[in-house]
Amino acid sequence: MEQFQHISPQETKARLDKGEIKVVDIRDDQSFELGHIPKSFHLSNGTVTQFMNENDFDTPVVVCCYHGISSQQAAQYLIHQGFEQVYSMDGGFEAWRGLYKFSTGN
């Protein structure tokens, strides 16, 4: 069985800037609205089907949560759904926020 991989916020940003990955944010609605990684998709139980319908299974996906803990379970879930390259971003959104500006809205 495939396993998710770990990725740093710096590597995430580099690959996002090149358009190589999709970032999904699994934090709650209010936290996502207050700020998130640019172009990230708010992934929840209610939007997971939409995400799977809109993205190919060979699209590399980076999962972001608050601190990089719960994203590991979500990343493994996406592997089980058939995504081939899934990463959990180490340190989560808090690490990203410490390094980079973030957007409110898209």
PDB file of N, CA and C in Angstrom:
ATOM      1  N   MET A   1       0.846  -1.192   0.000  1.00  0.00           N
ATOM      2  CA  MET A   1       0.000   0.000   0.000  1.00  0.00           C
ATOM      3  C   MET A   1       0.883   1.243   0.000  1.00  0.00           C
ATOM      4  N   GLU A   2       0.498   2.189  -0.789  1.00  0.00           N
ATOM      5  CA  GLU A   2       1.228   3.459  -0.839  1.00  0.00           C
ATOM      6  C   GLU A   2       1.106   4.194   0.486  1.00  0.00           C
ATOM      7  N   GLN A   3       2.084   4.997   0.772  1.00  0.00           N
ATOM      8  CA  GLN A   3       2.073   5.846   1.952  1.00  0.00           C
ATOM      9  C   GLN A   3       2.207   7.293   1.517  1.00  0.00           C
ATOM     10  N   PHE A   4       1.640   8.183   2.317  1.00  0.00           N
ATOM     11  CA  PHE A   4       1.854   9.606   2.053  1.00  0.00           C
ATOM     12  C   PHE A   4       3.302   9.955   2.404  1.00  0.00           C
ATOM     13  N   GLN A   5       3.744  11.100   1.935  1.00  0.00           N
ATOM     14  CA  GLN A   5       5.091  11.570   2.220  1.00  0.00           C
ATOM     15  C   GLN A   5       5.002  12.897   2.970  1.00  0.00           C
ATOM     16  N   HIS A   6       6.108  13.273   3.590  1.00  0.00           N
ATOM     17  CA  HIS A   6       6.168  14.563   4.275  1.00  0.00           C
ATOM     18  C   HIS A   6       6.790  15.592   3.337  1.00  0.00           C
ATOM     19  N   ILE A   7       6.370  16.857   3.502  1.00  0.00           N
ATOM     20  CA  ILE A   7       6.916  17.936   2.687  1.00  0.00           C
ATOM     21  C   ILE A   7       7.020  19.179   3.568  1.00  0.00           C
ATOM     22  N   SER A   8       8.050  19.953   3.365  1.00  0.00           N
ATOM     23  CA  SER A   8       8.236  21.173   4.151  1.00  0.00           C
ATOM     24  C   SER A   8       7.402  22.310   3.577  1.00  0.00           C
ATOM     25  N   PRO A   9       7.103  23.332   4.380  1.00  0.00           N
ATOM     26  CA  PRO A   9       6.411  24.504   3.824  1.00  0.00           C
ATOM     27  C   PRO A   9       7.208  25.146   2.683  1.00  0.00           C
ATOM     28  N   GLN A  10       8.533  25.147   2.792  1.00  0.00           N
ATOM     29  CA  GLN A  10       9.370  25.753   1.748  1.00  0.00           C
ATOM     30  C   GLN A  10       9.244  24.996   0.428  1.00  0.00           C
ATOM     31  N   GLU A  11       9.283  23.669   0.485  1.00  0.00           N
ATOM     32  CA  GLU A  11       9.127  22.849  -0.722  1.00  0.00           C
ATOM     33  C   GLU A  11       7.714  22.989  -1.274  1.00  0.00           C
ATOM     34  N   THR A  12       6.726  23.060  -0.377  1.00  0.00           N
ATOM     35  CA  THR A  12       5.347  23.269  -0.816  1.00  0.00           C
ATOM     36  C   THR A  12       5.235  24.567  -1.603  1.00  0.00           C
ATOM     37  N   LYS A  13       5.794  25.652  -1.076  1.00  0.00           N
ATOM     38  CA  LYS A  13       5.709  26.944  -1.753  1.00  0.00           C
ATOM     39  C   LYS A  13       6.414  26.901  -3.104  1.00  0.00           C
ATOM     40  N   ALA A  14       7.590  26.297  -3.153  1.00  0.00           N
ATOM     41  CA  ALA A  14       8.338  26.214  -4.411  1.00  0.00           C
ATOM     42  C   ALA A  14       7.536  25.461  -5.469  1.00  0.00           C
ATOM     43  N   ARG A  15       6.933  24.349  -5.082  1.00  0.00           N
ATOM     44  CA  ARG A  15       6.158  23.546  -6.044  1.00  0.00           C
ATOM     45  C   ARG A  15       4.828  24.201  -6.391  1.00  0.00           C
ATOM     46  N   LEU A  16       4.228  24.911  -5.427  1.00  0.00           N
ATOM     47  CA  LEU A  16       2.985  25.629  -5.686  1.00  0.00           C
ATOM     48  C   LEU A  16       3.226  26.775  -6.670  1.00  0.00           C
ATOM     49  N   ASP A  17       4.336  27.490  -6.472  1.00  0.00           N
ATOM     50  CA  ASP A  17       4.676  28.600  -7.372  1.00  0.00           C
ATOM     51  C   ASP A  17       4.877  28.128  -8.804  1.00  0.00           C
ATOM     52  N   LYS A  18       5.318  26.881  -8.972  1.00  0.00           N
ATOM     53  CA  LYS A  18       5.526  26.306 -10.312  1.00  0.00           C
ATOM     54  C   LYS A  18       4.253  25.653 -10.855  1.00  0.00           C
ATOM     55  N   GLY A  19       3.209  25.608 -10.039  1.00  0.00           N
ATOM     56  CA  GLY A  19       1.960  24.983 -10.474  1.00  0.00           C
ATOM     57  C   GLY A  19       2.020  23.472 -10.513  1.00  0.00           C
ATOM     58  N   GLU A  20       2.912  22.875  -9.721  1.00  0.00           N
ATOM     59  CA  GLU A  20       3.106  21.424  -9.767  1.00  0.00           C
ATOM     60  C   GLU A  20       2.192  20.645  -8.819  1.00  0.00           C
ATOM     61  N   ILE A  21       1.586  21.319  -7.856  1.00  0.00           N
ATOM     62  CA  ILE A  21       0.810  20.638  -6.822  1.00  0.00           C
ATOM     63  C   ILE A  21      -0.515  21.349  -6.566  1.00  0.00           C
ATOM     64  N   LYS A  22      -1.408  20.627  -5.911  1.00  0.00           N
ATOM     65  CA  LYS A  22      -2.644  21.194  -5.372  1.00  0.00           C
ATOM     66  C   LYS A  22      -2.512  21.135  -3.855  1.00  0.00           C
ATOM     67  N   VAL A  23      -2.888  22.222  -3.187  1.00  0.00           N
ATOM     68  CA  VAL A  23      -2.897  22.240  -1.728  1.00  0.00           C
ATOM     69  C   VAL A  23      -4.337  22.149  -1.248  1.00  0.00           C
ATOM     70  N   VAL A  24      -4.594  21.235  -0.320  1.00  0.00           N
ATOM     71  CA  VAL A  24      -5.900  21.149   0.320  1.00  0.00           C
ATOM     72  C   VAL A  24      -5.737  21.472   1.798  1.00  0.00           C
ATOM     73  N   ASP A  25      -6.647  22.249   2.325  1.00  0.00           N
ATOM     74  CA  ASP A  25      -6.616  22.714   3.708  1.00  0.00           C
ATOM     75  C   ASP A  25      -7.787  22.072   4.438  1.00  0.00           C
ATOM     76  N   ILE A  26      -7.503  21.333   5.501  1.00  0.00           N
ATOM     77  CA  ILE A  26      -8.556  20.596   6.201  1.00  0.00           C
ATOM     78  C   ILE A  26      -8.975  21.272   7.507  1.00  0.00           C
ATOM     79  N   ARG A  27      -8.527  22.499   7.738  1.00  0.00           N
ATOM     80  CA  ARG A  27      -8.930  23.204   8.957  1.00  0.00           C
ATOM     81  C   ARG A  27     -10.411  23.584   8.900  1.00  0.00           C
ATOM     82  N   ASP A  28     -10.952  24.020  10.018  1.00  0.00           N
ATOM     83  CA  ASP A  28     -12.375  24.362  10.055  1.00  0.00           C
ATOM     84  C   ASP A  28     -12.674  25.589   9.198  1.00  0.00           C
ATOM     85  N   ASP A  29     -13.955  25.780   8.909  1.00  0.00           N
ATOM     86  CA  ASP A  29     -14.398  26.856   8.011  1.00  0.00           C
ATOM     87  C   ASP A  29     -13.904  28.227   8.449  1.00  0.00           C
ATOM     88  N   GLN A  30     -14.053  28.525   9.732  1.00  0.00           N
ATOM     89  CA  GLN A  30     -13.682  29.858  10.220  1.00  0.00           C
ATOM     90  C   GLN A  30     -12.182  30.103  10.070  1.00  0.00           C
ATOM     91  N   SER A  31     -11.379  29.125  10.415  1.00  0.00           N
ATOM     92  CA  SER A  31      -9.925  29.282  10.283  1.00  0.00           C
ATOM     93  C   SER A  31      -9.527  29.480   8.829  1.00  0.00           C
ATOM     94  N   PHE A  32     -10.155  28.719   7.924  1.00  0.00           N
ATOM     95  CA  PHE A  32      -9.859  28.849   6.503  1.00  0.00           C
ATOM     96  C   PHE A  32     -10.223  30.247   6.016  1.00  0.00           C
ATOM     97  N   GLU A  33     -11.383  30.749   6.446  1.00  0.00           N
ATOM     98  CA  GLU A  33     -11.827  32.085   6.024  1.00  0.00           C
ATOM     99  C   GLU A  33     -10.876  33.172   6.527  1.00  0.00           C
ATOM    100  N   LEU A  34     -10.333  32.983   7.717  1.00  0.00           N
ATOM    101  CA  LEU A  34      -9.420  33.983   8.291  1.00  0.00           C
ATOM    102  C   LEU A  34      -8.091  34.050   7.548  1.00  0.00           C
ATOM    103  N   GLY A  35      -7.702  32.958   6.918  1.00  0.00           N
ATOM    104  CA  GLY A  35      -6.467  32.958   6.148  1.00  0.00           C
ATOM    105  C   GLY A  35      -6.062  31.565   5.736  1.00  0.00           C
ATOM    106  N   HIS A  36      -5.511  31.460   4.533  1.00  0.00           N
ATOM    107  CA  HIS A  36      -5.081  30.162   4.024  1.00  0.00           C
ATOM    108  C   HIS A  36      -4.015  30.364   2.949  1.00  0.00           C
ATOM    109  N   ILE A  37      -3.383  29.270   2.580  1.00  0.00           N
ATOM    110  CA  ILE A  37      -2.377  29.292   1.529  1.00  0.00           C
ATOM    111  C   ILE A  37      -3.060  29.680   0.218  1.00  0.00           C
ATOM    112  N   PRO A  38      -2.471  30.602  -0.547  1.00  0.00           N
ATOM    113  CA  PRO A  38      -3.094  31.010  -1.817  1.00  0.00           C
ATOM    114  C   PRO A  38      -3.422  29.807  -2.702  1.00  0.00           C
ATOM    115  N   LYS A  39      -4.589  29.844  -3.330  1.00  0.00           N
ATOM    116  CA  LYS A  39      -5.078  28.817  -4.258  1.00  0.00           C
ATOM    117  C   LYS A  39      -5.379  27.480  -3.597  1.00  0.00           C
ATOM    118  N   SER A  40      -5.386  27.426  -2.265  1.00  0.00           N
ATOM    119  CA  SER A  40      -5.684  26.143  -1.627  1.00  0.00           C
ATOM    120  C   SER A  40      -7.181  25.854  -1.675  1.00  0.00           C
ATOM    121  N   PHE A  41      -7.506  24.575  -1.635  1.00  0.00           N
ATOM    122  CA  PHE A  41      -8.882  24.091  -1.682  1.00  0.00           C
ATOM    123  C   PHE A  41      -9.291  23.717  -0.262  1.00  0.00           C
ATOM    124  N   HIS A  42     -10.435  24.200   0.188  1.00  0.00           N
ATOM    125  CA  HIS A  42     -10.906  23.868   1.537  1.00  0.00           C
ATOM    126  C   HIS A  42     -11.556  22.488   1.493  1.00  0.00           C
ATOM    127  N   LEU A  43     -10.840  21.504   2.000  1.00  0.00           N
ATOM    128  CA  LEU A  43     -11.293  20.114   1.956  1.00  0.00           C
ATOM    129  C   LEU A  43     -11.999  19.756   3.253  1.00  0.00           C
ATOM    130  N   SER A  44     -13.234  19.300   3.123  1.00  0.00           N
ATOM    131  CA  SER A  44     -14.021  18.875   4.280  1.00  0.00           C
ATOM    132  C   SER A  44     -14.839  17.653   3.861  1.00  0.00           C
ATOM    133  N   ASN A  45     -15.557  17.091   4.811  1.00  0.00           N
ATOM    134  CA  ASN A  45     -16.416  15.956   4.466  1.00  0.00           C
ATOM    135  C   ASN A  45     -17.399  16.334   3.363  1.00  0.00           C
ATOM    136  N   GLY A  46     -17.818  17.607   3.340  1.00  0.00           N
ATOM    137  CA  GLY A  46     -18.781  18.062   2.356  1.00  0.00           C
ATOM    138  C   GLY A  46     -18.194  18.389   0.990  1.00  0.00           C
ATOM    139  N   THR A  47     -16.864  18.554   0.902  1.00  0.00           N
ATOM    140  CA  THR A  47     -16.258  18.948  -0.376  1.00  0.00           C
ATOM    141  C   THR A  47     -15.315  17.893  -0.960  1.00  0.00           C
ATOM    142  N   VAL A  48     -15.113  16.783  -0.254  1.00  0.00           N
ATOM    143  CA  VAL A  48     -14.144  15.786  -0.728  1.00  0.00           C
ATOM    144  C   VAL A  48     -14.561  15.189  -2.068  1.00  0.00           C
ATOM    145  N   THR A  49     -15.853  14.957  -2.280  1.00  0.00           N
ATOM    146  CA  THR A  49     -16.319  14.405  -3.555  1.00  0.00           C
ATOM    147  C   THR A  49     -16.051  15.386  -4.685  1.00  0.00           C
ATOM    148  N   GLN A  50     -16.333  16.671  -4.432  1.00  0.00           N
ATOM    149  CA  GLN A  50     -16.055  17.711  -5.435  1.00  0.00           C
ATOM    150  C   GLN A  50     -14.570  17.725  -5.786  1.00  0.00           C
ATOM    151  N   PHE A  51     -13.712  17.667  -4.773  1.00  0.00           N
ATOM    152  CA  PHE A  51     -12.270  17.691  -5.025  1.00  0.00           C
ATOM    153  C   PHE A  51     -11.848  16.490  -5.877  1.00  0.00           C
ATOM    154  N   MET A  52     -12.376  15.319  -5.547  1.00  0.00           N
ATOM    155  CA  MET A  52     -12.000  14.112  -6.294  1.00  0.00           C
ATOM    156  C   MET A  52     -12.517  14.170  -7.728  1.00  0.00           C
ATOM    157  N   ASN A  53     -13.665  14.794  -7.947  1.00  0.00           N
ATOM    158  CA  ASN A  53     -14.212  14.920  -9.295  1.00  0.00           C
ATOM    159  C   ASN A  53     -13.434  15.928 -10.141  1.00  0.00           C
ATOM    160  N   GLU A  54     -12.847  16.940  -9.493  1.00  0.00           N
ATOM    161  CA  GLU A  54     -12.177  18.023 -10.220  1.00  0.00           C
ATOM    162  C   GLU A  54     -10.679  17.794 -10.434  1.00  0.00           C
ATOM    163  N   ASN A  55     -10.111  16.788  -9.798  1.00  0.00           N
ATOM    164  CA  ASN A  55      -8.667  16.586  -9.875  1.00  0.00           C
ATOM    165  C   ASN A  55      -8.335  15.160 -10.274  1.00  0.00           C
ATOM    166  N   ASP A  56      -7.333  15.024 -11.129  1.00  0.00           N
ATOM    167  CA  ASP A  56      -6.871  13.699 -11.543  1.00  0.00           C
ATOM    168  C   ASP A  56      -6.131  13.036 -10.398  1.00  0.00           C
ATOM    169  N   PHE A  57      -6.204  11.702 -10.361  1.00  0.00           N
ATOM    170  CA  PHE A  57      -5.545  10.964  -9.292  1.00  0.00           C
ATOM    171  C   PHE A  57      -4.020  11.034  -9.378  1.00  0.00           C
ATOM    172  N   ASP A  58      -3.491  11.470 -10.527  1.00  0.00           N
ATOM    173  CA  ASP A  58      -2.034  11.623 -10.617  1.00  0.00           C
ATOM    174  C   ASP A  58      -1.581  13.045 -10.267  1.00  0.00           C
ATOM    175  N   THR A  59      -2.514  13.899  -9.842  1.00  0.00           N
ATOM    176  CA  THR A  59      -2.168  15.246  -9.386  1.00  0.00           C
ATOM    177  C   THR A  59      -1.519  15.150  -8.011  1.00  0.00           C
ATOM    178  N   PRO A  60      -0.301  15.682  -7.836  1.00  0.00           N
ATOM    179  CA  PRO A  60       0.293  15.684  -6.492  1.00  0.00           C
ATOM    180  C   PRO A  60      -0.508  16.603  -5.566  1.00  0.00           C
ATOM    181  N   VAL A  61      -0.853  16.089  -4.382  1.00  0.00           N
ATOM    182  CA  VAL A  61      -1.694  16.819  -3.430  1.00  0.00           C
ATOM    183  C   VAL A  61      -0.928  16.995  -2.121  1.00  0.00           C
ATOM    184  N   VAL A  62      -0.940  18.229  -1.593  1.00  0.00           N
ATOM    185  CA  VAL A  62      -0.363  18.522  -0.285  1.00  0.00           C
ATOM    186  C   VAL A  62      -1.502  18.849   0.671  1.00  0.00           C
ATOM    187  N   VAL A  63      -1.555  18.134   1.794  1.00  0.00           N
ATOM    188  CA  VAL A  63      -2.587  18.359   2.794  1.00  0.00           C
ATOM    189  C   VAL A  63      -2.019  19.247   3.895  1.00  0.00           C
ATOM    190  N   CYS A  64      -2.784  20.288   4.232  1.00  0.00           N
ATOM    191  CA  CYS A  64      -2.392  21.254   5.251  1.00  0.00           C
ATOM    192  C   CYS A  64      -3.445  21.271   6.357  1.00  0.00           C
ATOM    193  N   CYS A  65      -2.993  21.255   7.611  1.00  0.00           N
ATOM    194  CA  CYS A  65      -3.902  21.402   8.748  1.00  0.00           C
ATOM    195  C   CYS A  65      -3.334  22.503   9.641  1.00  0.00           C
ATOM    196  N   TYR A  66      -3.595  22.450  10.932  1.00  0.00           N
ATOM    197  CA  TYR A  66      -3.092  23.496  11.834  1.00  0.00           C
ATOM    198  C   TYR A  66      -1.589  23.360  12.084  1.00  0.00           C
ATOM    199  N   HIS A  67      -1.168  22.151  12.523  1.00  0.00           N
ATOM    200  CA  HIS A  67       0.225  21.965  12.935  1.00  0.00           C
ATOM    201  C   HIS A  67       0.906  20.766  12.274  1.00  0.00           C
ATOM    202  N   GLY A  68       0.279  20.161  11.287  1.00  0.00           N
ATOM    203  CA  GLY A  68       0.911  19.045  10.588  1.00  0.00           C
ATOM    204  C   GLY A  68       0.642  17.683  11.197  1.00  0.00           C
ATOM    205  N   ILE A  69      -0.342  17.585  12.092  1.00  0.00           N
ATOM    206  CA  ILE A  69      -0.663  16.304  12.726  1.00  0.00           C
ATOM    207  C   ILE A  69      -1.853  15.631  12.037  1.00  0.00           C
ATOM    208  N   SER A  70      -3.019  16.283  12.061  1.00  0.00           N
ATOM    209  CA  SER A  70      -4.213  15.663  11.470  1.00  0.00           C
ATOM    210  C   SER A  70      -4.108  15.552   9.953  1.00  0.00           C
ATOM    211  N   SER A  71      -3.234  16.356   9.336  1.00  0.00           N
ATOM    212  CA  SER A  71      -3.055  16.245   7.886  1.00  0.00           C
ATOM    213  C   SER A  71      -2.494  14.880   7.498  1.00  0.00           C
ATOM    214  N   GLN A  72      -1.803  14.214   8.423  1.00  0.00           N
ATOM    215  CA  GLN A  72      -1.244  12.902   8.104  1.00  0.00           C
ATOM    216  C   GLN A  72      -2.342  11.874   7.881  1.00  0.00           C
ATOM    217  N   GLN A  73      -3.383  11.903   8.723  1.00  0.00           N
ATOM    218  CA  GLN A  73      -4.514  10.982   8.534  1.00  0.00           C
ATOM    219  C   GLN A  73      -5.263  11.307   7.248  1.00  0.00           C
ATOM    220  N   ALA A  74      -5.460  12.602   6.985  1.00  0.00           N
ATOM    221  CA  ALA A  74      -6.168  13.007   5.765  1.00  0.00           C
ATOM    222  C   ALA A  74      -5.370  12.622   4.530  1.00  0.00           C
ATOM    223  N   ALA A  75      -4.051  12.761   4.595  1.00  0.00           N
ATOM    224  CA  ALA A  75      -3.201  12.375   3.462  1.00  0.00           C
ATOM    225  C   ALA A  75      -3.322  10.882   3.195  1.00  0.00           C
ATOM    226  N   GLN A  76      -3.311  10.088   4.241  1.00  0.00           N
ATOM    227  CA  GLN A  76      -3.448   8.642   4.061  1.00  0.00           C
ATOM    228  C   GLN A  76      -4.823   8.310   3.494  1.00  0.00           C
ATOM    229  N   TYR A  77      -5.854   9.034   3.900  1.00  0.00           N
ATOM    230  CA  TYR A  77      -7.200   8.840   3.361  1.00  0.00           C
ATOM    231  C   TYR A  77      -7.201   9.080   1.852  1.00  0.00           C
ATOM    232  N   LEU A  78      -6.546  10.165   1.404  1.00  0.00           N
ATOM    233  CA  LEU A  78      -6.515  10.468  -0.035  1.00  0.00           C
ATOM    234  C   LEU A  78      -5.749   9.394  -0.813  1.00  0.00           C
ATOM    235  N   ILE A  79      -4.706   8.829  -0.204  1.00  0.00           N
ATOM    236  CA  ILE A  79      -4.003   7.691  -0.828  1.00  0.00           C
ATOM    237  C   ILE A  79      -4.997   6.536  -1.028  1.00  0.00           C
ATOM    238  N   HIS A  80      -5.783   6.253   0.001  1.00  0.00           N
ATOM    239  CA  HIS A  80      -6.773   5.163  -0.080  1.00  0.00           C
ATOM    240  C   HIS A  80      -7.830   5.433  -1.135  1.00  0.00           C
ATOM    241  N   GLN A  81      -8.115   6.711  -1.411  1.00  0.00           N
ATOM    242  CA  GLN A  81      -9.101   7.064  -2.433  1.00  0.00           C
ATOM    243  C   GLN A  81      -8.530   6.934  -3.844  1.00  0.00           C
ATOM    244  N   GLY A  82      -7.202   6.770  -3.956  1.00  0.00           N
ATOM    245  CA  GLY A  82      -6.606   6.549  -5.265  1.00  0.00           C
ATOM    246  C   GLY A  82      -5.614   7.608  -5.716  1.00  0.00           C
ATOM    247  N   PHE A  83      -5.426   8.682  -4.936  1.00  0.00           N
ATOM    248  CA  PHE A  83      -4.421   9.676  -5.318  1.00  0.00           C
ATOM    249  C   PHE A  83      -3.032   9.060  -5.166  1.00  0.00           C
ATOM    250  N   GLU A  84      -2.170   9.325  -6.145  1.00  0.00           N
ATOM    251  CA  GLU A  84      -0.886   8.634  -6.221  1.00  0.00           C
ATOM    252  C   GLU A  84       0.224   9.315  -5.434  1.00  0.00           C
ATOM    253  N   GLN A  85       0.235  10.648  -5.417  1.00  0.00           N
ATOM    254  CA  GLN A  85       1.273  11.389  -4.698  1.00  0.00           C
ATOM    255  C   GLN A  85       0.601  12.326  -3.714  1.00  0.00           C
ATOM    256  N   VAL A  86       0.656  11.981  -2.438  1.00  0.00           N
ATOM    257  CA  VAL A  86       0.024  12.802  -1.408  1.00  0.00           C
ATOM    258  C   VAL A  86       1.058  13.105  -0.329  1.00  0.00           C
ATOM    259  N   TYR A  87       1.075  14.373   0.087  1.00  0.00           N
ATOM    260  CA  TYR A  87       2.030  14.847   1.079  1.00  0.00           C
ATOM    261  C   TYR A  87       1.294  15.466   2.256  1.00  0.00           C
ATOM    262  N   SER A  88       1.874  15.326   3.430  1.00  0.00           N
ATOM    263  CA  SER A  88       1.427  16.051   4.613  1.00  0.00           C
ATOM    264  C   SER A  88       2.453  17.156   4.854  1.00  0.00           C
ATOM    265  N   MET A  89       1.980  18.408   4.927  1.00  0.00           N
ATOM    266  CA  MET A  89       2.917  19.517   5.105  1.00  0.00           C
ATOM    267  C   MET A  89       3.325  19.630   6.566  1.00  0.00           C
ATOM    268  N   ASP A  90       4.600  19.458   6.815  1.00  0.00           N
ATOM    269  CA  ASP A  90       5.134  19.521   8.166  1.00  0.00           C
ATOM    270  C   ASP A  90       4.919  20.908   8.771  1.00  0.00           C
ATOM    271  N   GLY A  91       4.428  20.932  10.002  1.00  0.00           N
ATOM    272  CA  GLY A  91       4.217  22.193  10.698  1.00  0.00           C
ATOM    273  C   GLY A  91       2.890  22.856  10.409  1.00  0.00           C
ATOM    274  N   GLY A  92       2.193  22.389   9.371  1.00  0.00           N
ATOM    275  CA  GLY A  92       0.872  22.897   9.048  1.00  0.00           C
ATOM    276  C   GLY A  92       0.838  24.383   8.713  1.00  0.00           C
ATOM    277  N   PHE A  93      -0.384  24.930   8.778  1.00  0.00           N
ATOM    278  CA  PHE A  93      -0.578  26.327   8.404  1.00  0.00           C
ATOM    279  C   PHE A  93       0.192  27.259   9.335  1.00  0.00           C
ATOM    280  N   GLU A  94       0.359  26.872  10.589  1.00  0.00           N
ATOM    281  CA  GLU A  94       1.097  27.725  11.523  1.00  0.00           C
ATOM    282  C   GLU A  94       2.538  27.913  11.053  1.00  0.00           C
ATOM    283  N   ALA A  95       3.149  26.864  10.542  1.00  0.00           N
ATOM    284  CA  ALA A  95       4.524  26.974  10.017  1.00  0.00           C
ATOM    285  C   ALA A  95       4.531  27.857   8.766  1.00  0.00           C
ATOM    286  N   TRP A  96       3.556  27.660   7.873  1.00  0.00           N
ATOM    287  CA  TRP A  96       3.455  28.479   6.658  1.00  0.00           C
ATOM    288  C   TRP A  96       3.313  29.953   7.033  1.00  0.00           C
ATOM    289  N   ARG A  97       2.394  30.229   7.965  1.00  0.00           N
ATOM    290  CA  ARG A  97       2.126  31.605   8.359  1.00  0.00           C
ATOM    291  C   ARG A  97       3.377  32.267   8.939  1.00  0.00           C
ATOM    292  N   GLY A  98       4.199  31.495   9.609  1.00  0.00           N
ATOM    293  CA  GLY A  98       5.430  32.035  10.163  1.00  0.00           C
ATOM    294  C   GLY A  98       6.456  32.387   9.094  1.00  0.00           C
ATOM    295  N   LEU A  99       6.333  31.783   7.921  1.00  0.00           N
ATOM    296  CA  LEU A  99       7.305  31.988   6.841  1.00  0.00           C
ATOM    297  C   LEU A  99       6.821  32.945   5.763  1.00  0.00           C
ATOM    298  N   TYR A 100       5.526  32.908   5.468  1.00  0.00           N
ATOM    299  CA  TYR A 100       5.001  33.601   4.291  1.00  0.00           C
ATOM    300  C   TYR A 100       3.740  34.370   4.631  1.00  0.00           C
ATOM    301  N   LYS A 101       3.412  35.299   3.766  1.00  0.00           N
ATOM    302  CA  LYS A 101       2.105  35.931   3.850  1.00  0.00           C
ATOM    303  C   LYS A 101       1.076  34.923   3.371  1.00  0.00           C
ATOM    304  N   PHE A 102      -0.137  35.146   3.759  1.00  0.00           N
ATOM    305  CA  PHE A 102      -1.213  34.244   3.333  1.00  0.00           C
ATOM    306  C   PHE A 102      -2.373  35.090   2.852  1.00  0.00           C
ATOM    307  N   SER A 103      -3.309  34.458   2.189  1.00  0.00           N
ATOM    308  CA  SER A 103      -4.417  35.206   1.617  1.00  0.00           C
ATOM    309  C   SER A 103      -5.665  35.026   2.453  1.00  0.00           C
ATOM    310  N   THR A 104      -6.554  35.979   2.355  1.00  0.00           N
ATOM    311  CA  THR A 104      -7.902  35.812   2.869  1.00  0.00           C
ATOM    312  C   THR A 104      -8.790  35.840   1.640  1.00  0.00           C
ATOM    313  N   GLY A 105      -9.472  34.777   1.394  1.00  0.00           N
ATOM    314  CA  GLY A 105     -10.209  34.634   0.135  1.00  0.00           C
ATOM    315  C   GLY A 105      -9.267  34.155  -0.953  1.00  0.00           C
ATOM    316  N   ASN A 106      -9.777  34.017  -2.163  1.00  0.00           N
ATOM    317  CA  ASN A 106      -8.931  33.494  -3.249  1.00  0.00           C
ATOM    318  C   ASN A 106      -8.544  34.543  -4.251  1.00  0.00           C
TER     319      ASN A 106
END
